[in-house]
Amino acid sequence: MQRKLLSSALATAALTSILAACASAPMMAPMYDQAALPDAVKVPAGNKVAMETVGVGEITYECRDKKDMAGQYEWVFVGPDAALNDRSGKKIGKYFGPPATWENMDGSKVTATQIAVAPAGAGNIPSQLVKANPAMGAGAMTGVTYIQRVATKGGVAPATACDMAGKGKKEIVKYQADYIFYKAS
């Protein structure tokens, strides 16, 4: 009987230790699964994930005249300003614009041209696929071919009125998105 109680106590202690270790370990987000994305924003075959980041920051919008619609106004995207963090939360770069620029802490940076977007749910900026231009500087951005913006949260134009009285007014909204960098395989 004592042996059975001792065995049970040891098993309970071992389980408690394992659960405590798991609880104190940092939660790592899984690698992003491209198969779950709409076809429009999938990266072409022949490219592989080189780096995954989480962009956390702000997007600025400005109330301006609606193009070719006299007397009408709309919120227009001005540009982003975000920290690029690795999956553990450590800052490894920044994203800013215009033009849209992703810069690594090693000084290398890349700009890109939008290829496609796909809806990402109400209140979220769309998922996006961009084709990278040749990188400036040597480092992590060298050889990047495509960048996906996925898992977006927030970032849409303000819901506040944009009219003649507010023309020129700027609004800043918070957002977050995963930026997945690809290189030719």
C-alpha atoms as a PDB file:
ATOM      1  CA  MET A   1       0.000   0.000   0.000  1.00  0.00           C
ATOM      2  CA  GLN A   2       2.808   2.402   0.926  1.00  0.00           C
ATOM      3  CA  ARG A   3       4.624   1.552  -2.301  1.00  0.00           C
ATOM      4  CA  LYS A   4       1.449   2.332  -4.304  1.00  0.00           C
ATOM      5  CA  LEU A   5       1.006   5.692  -2.497  1.00  0.00           C
ATOM      6  CA  LEU A   6       4.676   6.564  -3.038  1.00  0.00           C
ATOM      7  CA  SER A   7       4.408   5.670  -6.726  1.00  0.00           C
ATOM      8  CA  SER A   8       1.258   7.779  -7.070  1.00  0.00           C
ATOM      9  CA  ALA A   9       2.903  10.726  -5.253  1.00  0.00           C
ATOM     10  CA  LEU A  10       5.953  10.532  -7.529  1.00  0.00           C
ATOM     11  CA  ALA A  11       3.747  10.442 -10.634  1.00  0.00           C
ATOM     12  CA  THR A  12       1.802  13.470  -9.390  1.00  0.00           C
ATOM     13  CA  ALA A  13       5.032  15.365  -8.654  1.00  0.00           C
ATOM     14  CA  ALA A  14       6.421  14.535 -12.114  1.00  0.00           C
ATOM     15  CA  LEU A  15       3.207  15.680 -13.812  1.00  0.00           C
ATOM     16  CA  THR A  16       3.193  18.902 -11.779  1.00  0.00           C
ATOM     17  CA  SER A  17       6.811  19.594 -12.808  1.00  0.00           C
ATOM     18  CA  ILE A  18       6.025  19.025 -16.478  1.00  0.00           C
ATOM     19  CA  LEU A  19       2.948  21.289 -16.368  1.00  0.00           C
ATOM     20  CA  ALA A  20       4.911  24.021 -14.573  1.00  0.00           C
ATOM     21  CA  ALA A  21       7.673  23.848 -17.189  1.00  0.00           C
ATOM     22  CA  CYS A  22       5.131  24.130 -19.997  1.00  0.00           C
ATOM     23  CA  ALA A  23       3.391  27.071 -18.344  1.00  0.00           C
ATOM     24  CA  SER A  24       6.638  28.995 -17.955  1.00  0.00           C
ATOM     25  CA  ALA A  25       7.857  28.318 -21.514  1.00  0.00           C
ATOM     26  CA  PRO A  26       7.208  31.156 -23.995  1.00  0.00           C
ATOM     27  CA  MET A  27       4.362  30.461 -26.367  1.00  0.00           C
ATOM     28  CA  MET A  28       5.649  30.305 -29.923  1.00  0.00           C
ATOM     29  CA  ALA A  29       3.255  30.956 -32.771  1.00  0.00           C
ATOM     30  CA  PRO A  30       3.278  28.199 -35.374  1.00  0.00           C
ATOM     31  CA  MET A  31       4.860  28.766 -38.761  1.00  0.00           C
ATOM     32  CA  TYR A  32       2.276  30.234 -41.150  1.00  0.00           C
ATOM     33  CA  ASP A  33       0.512  27.728 -43.409  1.00  0.00           C
ATOM     34  CA  GLN A  34       0.249  29.130 -46.928  1.00  0.00           C
ATOM     35  CA  ALA A  35      -2.332  26.426 -47.817  1.00  0.00           C
ATOM     36  CA  ALA A  36      -4.862  28.260 -45.622  1.00  0.00           C
ATOM     37  CA  LEU A  37      -4.619  31.442 -47.724  1.00  0.00           C
ATOM     38  CA  PRO A  38      -6.771  32.538 -50.667  1.00  0.00           C
ATOM     39  CA  ASP A  39      -5.120  31.671 -54.005  1.00  0.00           C
ATOM     40  CA  ALA A  40      -4.666  35.359 -54.898  1.00  0.00           C
ATOM     41  CA  VAL A  41      -2.099  35.900 -52.120  1.00  0.00           C
ATOM     42  CA  LYS A  42      -0.240  32.584 -52.330  1.00  0.00           C
ATOM     43  CA  VAL A  43       3.438  32.808 -53.225  1.00  0.00           C
ATOM     44  CA  PRO A  44       4.363  31.170 -56.544  1.00  0.00           C
ATOM     45  CA  ALA A  45       6.091  27.786 -56.490  1.00  0.00           C
ATOM     46  CA  GLY A  46       9.869  27.932 -56.335  1.00  0.00           C
ATOM     47  CA  ASN A  47       9.989  30.169 -53.251  1.00  0.00           C
ATOM     48  CA  LYS A  48      10.456  29.195 -49.611  1.00  0.00           C
ATOM     49  CA  VAL A  49       9.923  30.976 -46.302  1.00  0.00           C
ATOM     50  CA  ALA A  50      13.100  32.809 -45.301  1.00  0.00           C
ATOM     51  CA  MET A  51      11.797  34.832 -42.334  1.00  0.00           C
ATOM     52  CA  GLU A  52       8.548  35.334 -40.408  1.00  0.00           C
ATOM     53  CA  THR A  53       7.824  38.573 -38.565  1.00  0.00           C
ATOM     54  CA  VAL A  54       4.943  40.170 -36.712  1.00  0.00           C
ATOM     55  CA  GLY A  55       4.390  43.825 -37.562  1.00  0.00           C
ATOM     56  CA  VAL A  56       2.921  45.855 -34.710  1.00  0.00           C
ATOM     57  CA  GLY A  57       2.234  49.530 -35.236  1.00  0.00           C
ATOM     58  CA  GLU A  58       0.054  52.178 -36.814  1.00  0.00           C
ATOM     59  CA  ILE A  59      -1.362  53.225 -40.156  1.00  0.00           C
ATOM     60  CA  THR A  60      -2.007  56.878 -40.927  1.00  0.00           C
ATOM     61  CA  TYR A  61      -5.007  57.959 -43.016  1.00  0.00           C
ATOM     62  CA  GLU A  62      -5.868  61.464 -44.272  1.00  0.00           C
ATOM     63  CA  CYS A  63      -9.271  62.924 -45.194  1.00  0.00           C
ATOM     64  CA  ARG A  64      -8.983  63.999 -48.854  1.00  0.00           C
ATOM     65  CA  ASP A  65     -11.084  64.783 -51.926  1.00  0.00           C
ATOM     66  CA  LYS A  66     -12.442  61.631 -53.554  1.00  0.00           C
ATOM     67  CA  LYS A  67     -10.695  61.199 -56.897  1.00  0.00           C
ATOM     68  CA  ASP A  68     -12.862  62.374 -59.814  1.00  0.00           C
ATOM     69  CA  MET A  69     -15.854  62.981 -57.500  1.00  0.00           C
ATOM     70  CA  ALA A  70     -16.195  66.697 -56.789  1.00  0.00           C
ATOM     71  CA  GLY A  71     -17.575  67.534 -53.352  1.00  0.00           C
ATOM     72  CA  GLN A  72     -17.014  64.026 -51.962  1.00  0.00           C
ATOM     73  CA  TYR A  73     -14.330  62.987 -49.488  1.00  0.00           C
ATOM     74  CA  GLU A  74     -12.710  59.793 -48.260  1.00  0.00           C
ATOM     75  CA  TRP A  75     -10.041  58.490 -45.900  1.00  0.00           C
ATOM     76  CA  VAL A  76      -6.881  57.821 -47.913  1.00  0.00           C
ATOM     77  CA  PHE A  77      -4.040  55.546 -46.804  1.00  0.00           C
ATOM     78  CA  VAL A  78      -0.945  57.679 -46.099  1.00  0.00           C
ATOM     79  CA  GLY A  79       1.482  55.098 -44.721  1.00  0.00           C
ATOM     80  CA  PRO A  80       2.472  52.546 -42.096  1.00  0.00           C
ATOM     81  CA  ASP A  81       4.862  52.747 -39.154  1.00  0.00           C
ATOM     82  CA  ALA A  82       5.447  49.405 -37.445  1.00  0.00           C
ATOM     83  CA  ALA A  83       8.055  47.402 -35.573  1.00  0.00           C
ATOM     84  CA  LEU A  84       8.891  44.027 -37.107  1.00  0.00           C
ATOM     85  CA  ASN A  85       9.316  41.418 -34.377  1.00  0.00           C
ATOM     86  CA  ASP A  86      10.440  37.816 -34.637  1.00  0.00           C
ATOM     87  CA  ARG A  87       8.117  35.081 -33.361  1.00  0.00           C
ATOM     88  CA  SER A  88       9.575  35.405 -29.841  1.00  0.00           C
ATOM     89  CA  GLY A  89       8.691  39.137 -29.733  1.00  0.00           C
ATOM     90  CA  LYS A  90      12.219  40.530 -30.246  1.00  0.00           C
ATOM     91  CA  LYS A  91      12.373  43.570 -32.548  1.00  0.00           C
ATOM     92  CA  ILE A  92      14.353  42.730 -35.679  1.00  0.00           C
ATOM     93  CA  GLY A  93      13.357  45.573 -37.987  1.00  0.00           C
ATOM     94  CA  LYS A  94      10.755  48.098 -39.029  1.00  0.00           C
ATOM     95  CA  TYR A  95       8.144  48.665 -41.716  1.00  0.00           C
ATOM     96  CA  PHE A  96       7.383  52.172 -42.947  1.00  0.00           C
ATOM     97  CA  GLY A  97       6.432  54.165 -46.027  1.00  0.00           C
ATOM     98  CA  PRO A  98       5.782  55.445 -48.520  1.00  0.00           C
ATOM     99  CA  PRO A  99       7.145  53.723 -50.385  1.00  0.00           C
ATOM    100  CA  ALA A 100       6.400  50.525 -48.459  1.00  0.00           C
ATOM    101  CA  THR A 101       9.782  49.571 -46.998  1.00  0.00           C
ATOM    102  CA  TRP A 102      10.785  46.632 -44.793  1.00  0.00           C
ATOM    103  CA  GLU A 103      14.112  47.229 -43.054  1.00  0.00           C
ATOM    104  CA  ASN A 104      16.052  44.713 -40.976  1.00  0.00           C
ATOM    105  CA  MET A 105      18.189  45.800 -37.998  1.00  0.00           C
ATOM    106  CA  ASP A 106      21.258  44.734 -40.029  1.00  0.00           C
ATOM    107  CA  GLY A 107      20.570  47.709 -42.351  1.00  0.00           C
ATOM    108  CA  SER A 108      19.316  45.737 -45.349  1.00  0.00           C
ATOM    109  CA  LYS A 109      15.935  46.827 -46.688  1.00  0.00           C
ATOM    110  CA  VAL A 110      13.518  46.088 -49.479  1.00  0.00           C
ATOM    111  CA  THR A 111      10.615  47.831 -51.197  1.00  0.00           C
ATOM    112  CA  ALA A 112       7.930  45.975 -53.123  1.00  0.00           C
ATOM    113  CA  THR A 113       5.065  46.214 -55.600  1.00  0.00           C
ATOM    114  CA  GLN A 114       1.590  44.944 -54.716  1.00  0.00           C
ATOM    115  CA  ILE A 115       0.408  41.961 -56.769  1.00  0.00           C
ATOM    116  CA  ALA A 116      -2.834  40.998 -55.020  1.00  0.00           C
ATOM    117  CA  VAL A 117      -5.037  41.410 -51.944  1.00  0.00           C
ATOM    118  CA  ALA A 118      -7.706  39.209 -50.364  1.00  0.00           C
ATOM    119  CA  PRO A 119     -10.297  40.028 -47.666  1.00  0.00           C
ATOM    120  CA  ALA A 120      -9.176  39.296 -44.091  1.00  0.00           C
ATOM    121  CA  GLY A 121     -12.416  39.807 -42.172  1.00  0.00           C
ATOM    122  CA  ALA A 122     -14.392  42.817 -41.001  1.00  0.00           C
ATOM    123  CA  GLY A 123     -12.283  45.524 -39.370  1.00  0.00           C
ATOM    124  CA  ASN A 124      -8.992  44.128 -40.700  1.00  0.00           C
ATOM    125  CA  ILE A 125      -6.831  45.340 -43.560  1.00  0.00           C
ATOM    126  CA  PRO A 126      -6.677  42.729 -46.333  1.00  0.00           C
ATOM    127  CA  SER A 127      -4.114  39.983 -46.726  1.00  0.00           C
ATOM    128  CA  GLN A 128      -1.605  41.011 -49.369  1.00  0.00           C
ATOM    129  CA  LEU A 129       1.061  39.624 -51.682  1.00  0.00           C
ATOM    130  CA  VAL A 130       3.857  41.884 -52.911  1.00  0.00           C
ATOM    131  CA  LYS A 131       6.796  41.208 -55.238  1.00  0.00           C
ATOM    132  CA  ALA A 132      10.032  42.479 -53.764  1.00  0.00           C
ATOM    133  CA  ASN A 133      12.390  44.808 -55.594  1.00  0.00           C
ATOM    134  CA  PRO A 134      16.125  44.093 -55.286  1.00  0.00           C
ATOM    135  CA  ALA A 135      17.295  44.648 -51.713  1.00  0.00           C
ATOM    136  CA  MET A 136      19.395  47.616 -50.667  1.00  0.00           C
ATOM    137  CA  GLY A 137      22.345  46.687 -48.454  1.00  0.00           C
ATOM    138  CA  ALA A 138      23.580  43.217 -47.591  1.00  0.00           C
ATOM    139  CA  GLY A 139      21.788  41.190 -44.933  1.00  0.00           C
ATOM    140  CA  ALA A 140      18.520  39.434 -44.150  1.00  0.00           C
ATOM    141  CA  MET A 141      16.583  41.217 -46.918  1.00  0.00           C
ATOM    142  CA  THR A 142      19.053  40.216 -49.638  1.00  0.00           C
ATOM    143  CA  GLY A 143      17.371  37.842 -52.077  1.00  0.00           C
ATOM    144  CA  VAL A 144      13.806  38.366 -50.801  1.00  0.00           C
ATOM    145  CA  THR A 145      11.439  37.639 -53.703  1.00  0.00           C
ATOM    146  CA  TYR A 146       7.958  37.998 -52.165  1.00  0.00           C
ATOM    147  CA  ILE A 147       6.353  39.243 -48.960  1.00  0.00           C
ATOM    148  CA  GLN A 148       2.936  38.165 -47.688  1.00  0.00           C
ATOM    149  CA  ARG A 149       0.888  40.187 -45.219  1.00  0.00           C
ATOM    150  CA  VAL A 150      -1.390  37.762 -43.392  1.00  0.00           C
ATOM    151  CA  ALA A 151      -3.170  37.309 -40.055  1.00  0.00           C
ATOM    152  CA  THR A 152      -4.110  40.990 -40.011  1.00  0.00           C
ATOM    153  CA  LYS A 153      -5.794  42.662 -37.046  1.00  0.00           C
ATOM    154  CA  GLY A 154      -7.214  46.175 -37.358  1.00  0.00           C
ATOM    155  CA  GLY A 155      -5.742  48.868 -39.563  1.00  0.00           C
ATOM    156  CA  VAL A 156      -8.818  49.845 -41.570  1.00  0.00           C
ATOM    157  CA  ALA A 157      -9.680  53.466 -42.339  1.00  0.00           C
ATOM    158  CA  PRO A 158     -11.323  55.380 -39.484  1.00  0.00           C
ATOM    159  CA  ALA A 159     -15.080  55.181 -39.030  1.00  0.00           C
ATOM    160  CA  THR A 160     -15.228  58.906 -38.179  1.00  0.00           C
ATOM    161  CA  ALA A 161     -16.702  61.310 -40.710  1.00  0.00           C
ATOM    162  CA  CYS A 162     -14.539  62.552 -43.566  1.00  0.00           C
ATOM    163  CA  ASP A 163     -16.104  65.696 -45.045  1.00  0.00           C
ATOM    164  CA  MET A 164     -15.224  69.206 -46.220  1.00  0.00           C
ATOM    165  CA  ALA A 165     -14.775  70.409 -42.633  1.00  0.00           C
ATOM    166  CA  GLY A 166     -12.325  67.550 -41.919  1.00  0.00           C
ATOM    167  CA  LYS A 167     -10.390  67.772 -45.188  1.00  0.00           C
ATOM    168  CA  GLY A 168      -6.679  67.440 -44.443  1.00  0.00           C
ATOM    169  CA  LYS A 169      -7.270  65.870 -41.022  1.00  0.00           C
ATOM    170  CA  LYS A 170      -5.124  62.814 -40.259  1.00  0.00           C
ATOM    171  CA  GLU A 171      -6.141  59.812 -38.161  1.00  0.00           C
ATOM    172  CA  ILE A 172      -3.864  57.056 -36.873  1.00  0.00           C
ATOM    173  CA  VAL A 173      -5.172  53.531 -36.362  1.00  0.00           C
ATOM    174  CA  LYS A 174      -3.452  50.581 -34.674  1.00  0.00           C
ATOM    175  CA  TYR A 175      -2.830  47.335 -36.508  1.00  0.00           C
ATOM    176  CA  GLN A 176      -0.922  44.074 -36.437  1.00  0.00           C
ATOM    177  CA  ALA A 177      -0.012  41.663 -39.239  1.00  0.00           C
ATOM    178  CA  ASP A 178       2.353  38.821 -39.957  1.00  0.00           C
ATOM    179  CA  TYR A 179       4.862  39.590 -42.699  1.00  0.00           C
ATOM    180  CA  ILE A 180       6.249  36.415 -44.262  1.00  0.00           C
ATOM    181  CA  PHE A 181       9.400  36.876 -46.364  1.00  0.00           C
ATOM    182  CA  TYR A 182      10.235  34.431 -49.174  1.00  0.00           C
ATOM    183  CA  LYS A 183      13.387  33.740 -51.164  1.00  0.00           C
ATOM    184  CA  ALA A 184      13.852  31.625 -54.297  1.00  0.00           C
ATOM    185  CA  SER A 185      14.463  27.991 -53.392  1.00  0.00           C
END
